[in-house]
């Protein structure tokens, strides 16, 4: 199997607009930092429902797009979601950061 095949998104096309809407809802109002071209860090509202939304979305997204790595961190009254991708997938991260 080619390396790029390991990074394919298996989310059915019909479900993609719904998933994008979920990301849009999570990203609304979030401060964004791009420490490297393969990593995006979101500062989210530190509320239990936001934690649950981010965790649920991360789990479902890695189930269909295994190239994503998500790190959800709650500390000191803050909440961050770091999203990382391999070099070959930076365009996907660019598009997510621009939403």
C-alpha atoms as a PDB file:
ATOM      1  CA  UNK A   1       0.000   0.000   0.000  1.00  0.00           C
ATOM      2  CA  UNK A   2       1.360   3.425  -0.881  1.00  0.00           C
ATOM      3  CA  UNK A   3       2.009   5.826   1.959  1.00  0.00           C
ATOM      4  CA  UNK A   4      -0.561   8.325   0.654  1.00  0.00           C
ATOM      5  CA  UNK A   5      -3.255   5.643   0.759  1.00  0.00           C
ATOM      6  CA  UNK A   6      -2.770   5.445   4.525  1.00  0.00           C
ATOM      7  CA  UNK A   7      -3.726   9.111   4.728  1.00  0.00           C
ATOM      8  CA  UNK A   8      -6.952   8.955   2.743  1.00  0.00           C
ATOM      9  CA  UNK A   9     -10.164  10.290   4.211  1.00  0.00           C
ATOM     10  CA  UNK A  10     -12.836   7.595   4.351  1.00  0.00           C
ATOM     11  CA  UNK A  11     -15.691   9.852   5.484  1.00  0.00           C
ATOM     12  CA  UNK A  12     -18.520   9.414   2.969  1.00  0.00           C
ATOM     13  CA  UNK A  13     -18.845  12.443   0.689  1.00  0.00           C
ATOM     14  CA  UNK A  14     -22.442  13.059   1.764  1.00  0.00           C
ATOM     15  CA  UNK A  15     -21.335  13.442   5.402  1.00  0.00           C
ATOM     16  CA  UNK A  16     -18.476  15.879   4.729  1.00  0.00           C
ATOM     17  CA  UNK A  17     -20.560  19.104   4.780  1.00  0.00           C
ATOM     18  CA  UNK A  18     -21.985  18.084   8.159  1.00  0.00           C
ATOM     19  CA  UNK A  19     -18.503  17.425   9.546  1.00  0.00           C
ATOM     20  CA  UNK A  20     -17.272  20.768   8.208  1.00  0.00           C
ATOM     21  CA  UNK A  21     -20.197  22.473   9.951  1.00  0.00           C
ATOM     22  CA  UNK A  22     -19.147  20.786  13.208  1.00  0.00           C
ATOM     23  CA  UNK A  23     -15.592  22.080  12.772  1.00  0.00           C
ATOM     24  CA  UNK A  24     -16.954  25.547  11.965  1.00  0.00           C
ATOM     25  CA  UNK A  25     -18.967  25.533  15.197  1.00  0.00           C
ATOM     26  CA  UNK A  26     -15.911  24.477  17.197  1.00  0.00           C
ATOM     27  CA  UNK A  27     -13.653  27.020  15.485  1.00  0.00           C
ATOM     28  CA  UNK A  28     -16.069  29.948  15.904  1.00  0.00           C
ATOM     29  CA  UNK A  29     -14.353  32.452  18.137  1.00  0.00           C
ATOM     30  CA  UNK A  30     -11.331  30.248  18.803  1.00  0.00           C
ATOM     31  CA  UNK A  31      -7.934  31.919  18.734  1.00  0.00           C
ATOM     32  CA  UNK A  32      -5.613  30.099  16.334  1.00  0.00           C
ATOM     33  CA  UNK A  33      -1.857  29.676  16.495  1.00  0.00           C
ATOM     34  CA  UNK A  34       0.272  27.956  13.878  1.00  0.00           C
ATOM     35  CA  UNK A  35       3.584  27.100  15.604  1.00  0.00           C
ATOM     36  CA  UNK A  36       4.659  24.951  12.641  1.00  0.00           C
ATOM     37  CA  UNK A  37       3.215  24.253   9.196  1.00  0.00           C
ATOM     38  CA  UNK A  38       2.056  20.824  10.372  1.00  0.00           C
ATOM     39  CA  UNK A  39       0.443  21.948  13.642  1.00  0.00           C
ATOM     40  CA  UNK A  40      -2.512  24.182  14.438  1.00  0.00           C
ATOM     41  CA  UNK A  41      -3.405  25.088  18.023  1.00  0.00           C
ATOM     42  CA  UNK A  42      -6.866  26.346  18.955  1.00  0.00           C
ATOM     43  CA  UNK A  43      -7.632  28.168  22.196  1.00  0.00           C
ATOM     44  CA  UNK A  44     -11.174  27.104  23.070  1.00  0.00           C
ATOM     45  CA  UNK A  45     -13.626  28.207  25.731  1.00  0.00           C
ATOM     46  CA  UNK A  46     -12.883  26.119  28.836  1.00  0.00           C
ATOM     47  CA  UNK A  47     -16.438  24.850  29.304  1.00  0.00           C
ATOM     48  CA  UNK A  48     -17.465  21.199  29.783  1.00  0.00           C
ATOM     49  CA  UNK A  49     -19.691  21.178  26.679  1.00  0.00           C
ATOM     50  CA  UNK A  50     -16.812  22.508  24.537  1.00  0.00           C
ATOM     51  CA  UNK A  51     -14.492  19.824  25.927  1.00  0.00           C
ATOM     52  CA  UNK A  52     -17.085  17.170  25.083  1.00  0.00           C
ATOM     53  CA  UNK A  53     -17.662  18.587  21.590  1.00  0.00           C
ATOM     54  CA  UNK A  54     -13.921  18.778  20.822  1.00  0.00           C
ATOM     55  CA  UNK A  55     -13.228  15.269  22.151  1.00  0.00           C
ATOM     56  CA  UNK A  56     -16.142  13.743  20.256  1.00  0.00           C
ATOM     57  CA  UNK A  57     -15.171  15.455  17.009  1.00  0.00           C
ATOM     58  CA  UNK A  58     -11.513  14.440  17.382  1.00  0.00           C
ATOM     59  CA  UNK A  59     -12.390  10.792  17.970  1.00  0.00           C
ATOM     60  CA  UNK A  60     -14.754  10.648  14.999  1.00  0.00           C
ATOM     61  CA  UNK A  61     -12.342  12.510  12.708  1.00  0.00           C
ATOM     62  CA  UNK A  62      -9.413  10.201  13.444  1.00  0.00           C
ATOM     63  CA  UNK A  63     -11.735   7.284  12.687  1.00  0.00           C
ATOM     64  CA  UNK A  64     -12.107   8.400   9.078  1.00  0.00           C
ATOM     65  CA  UNK A  65      -8.993  10.536   8.499  1.00  0.00           C
ATOM     66  CA  UNK A  66      -6.206   8.732  10.286  1.00  0.00           C
ATOM     67  CA  UNK A  67      -3.573  11.276   9.260  1.00  0.00           C
ATOM     68  CA  UNK A  68      -4.861  13.725  11.921  1.00  0.00           C
ATOM     69  CA  UNK A  69      -3.452  13.795  15.445  1.00  0.00           C
ATOM     70  CA  UNK A  70      -5.492  15.667  18.038  1.00  0.00           C
ATOM     71  CA  UNK A  71      -4.302  16.719  21.503  1.00  0.00           C
ATOM     72  CA  UNK A  72      -6.941  18.154  23.817  1.00  0.00           C
ATOM     73  CA  UNK A  73      -5.460  19.851  26.893  1.00  0.00           C
ATOM     74  CA  UNK A  74      -7.270  21.409  29.830  1.00  0.00           C
ATOM     75  CA  UNK A  75      -4.993  23.164  32.272  1.00  0.00           C
ATOM     76  CA  UNK A  76      -4.977  26.264  34.445  1.00  0.00           C
ATOM     77  CA  UNK A  77      -8.465  27.298  33.390  1.00  0.00           C
ATOM     78  CA  UNK A  78      -7.575  27.062  29.694  1.00  0.00           C
ATOM     79  CA  UNK A  79      -8.518  24.634  26.955  1.00  0.00           C
ATOM     80  CA  UNK A  80      -6.515  23.960  23.811  1.00  0.00           C
ATOM     81  CA  UNK A  81      -6.941  21.612  20.904  1.00  0.00           C
ATOM     82  CA  UNK A  82      -3.771  20.959  18.924  1.00  0.00           C
ATOM     83  CA  UNK A  83      -4.218  19.425  15.484  1.00  0.00           C
ATOM     84  CA  UNK A  84      -1.226  17.924  13.692  1.00  0.00           C
ATOM     85  CA  UNK A  85      -0.809  16.371  10.252  1.00  0.00           C
ATOM     86  CA  UNK A  86       2.061  14.802   8.289  1.00  0.00           C
ATOM     87  CA  UNK A  87       3.967  17.041   5.851  1.00  0.00           C
ATOM     88  CA  UNK A  88       2.010  15.651   2.914  1.00  0.00           C
ATOM     89  CA  UNK A  89      -1.295  16.796   4.459  1.00  0.00           C
ATOM     90  CA  UNK A  90      -0.496  20.428   5.275  1.00  0.00           C
ATOM     91  CA  UNK A  91      -3.006  21.653   2.677  1.00  0.00           C
ATOM     92  CA  UNK A  92      -5.782  19.993   4.702  1.00  0.00           C
ATOM     93  CA  UNK A  93      -4.569  21.805   7.815  1.00  0.00           C
ATOM     94  CA  UNK A  94      -4.306  25.078   5.849  1.00  0.00           C
ATOM     95  CA  UNK A  95      -7.935  24.744   4.818  1.00  0.00           C
ATOM     96  CA  UNK A  96      -9.024  23.979   8.370  1.00  0.00           C
ATOM     97  CA  UNK A  97      -7.091  26.972   9.741  1.00  0.00           C
ATOM     98  CA  UNK A  98      -8.711  29.260   7.184  1.00  0.00           C
ATOM     99  CA  UNK A  99     -12.286  28.277   8.134  1.00  0.00           C
END
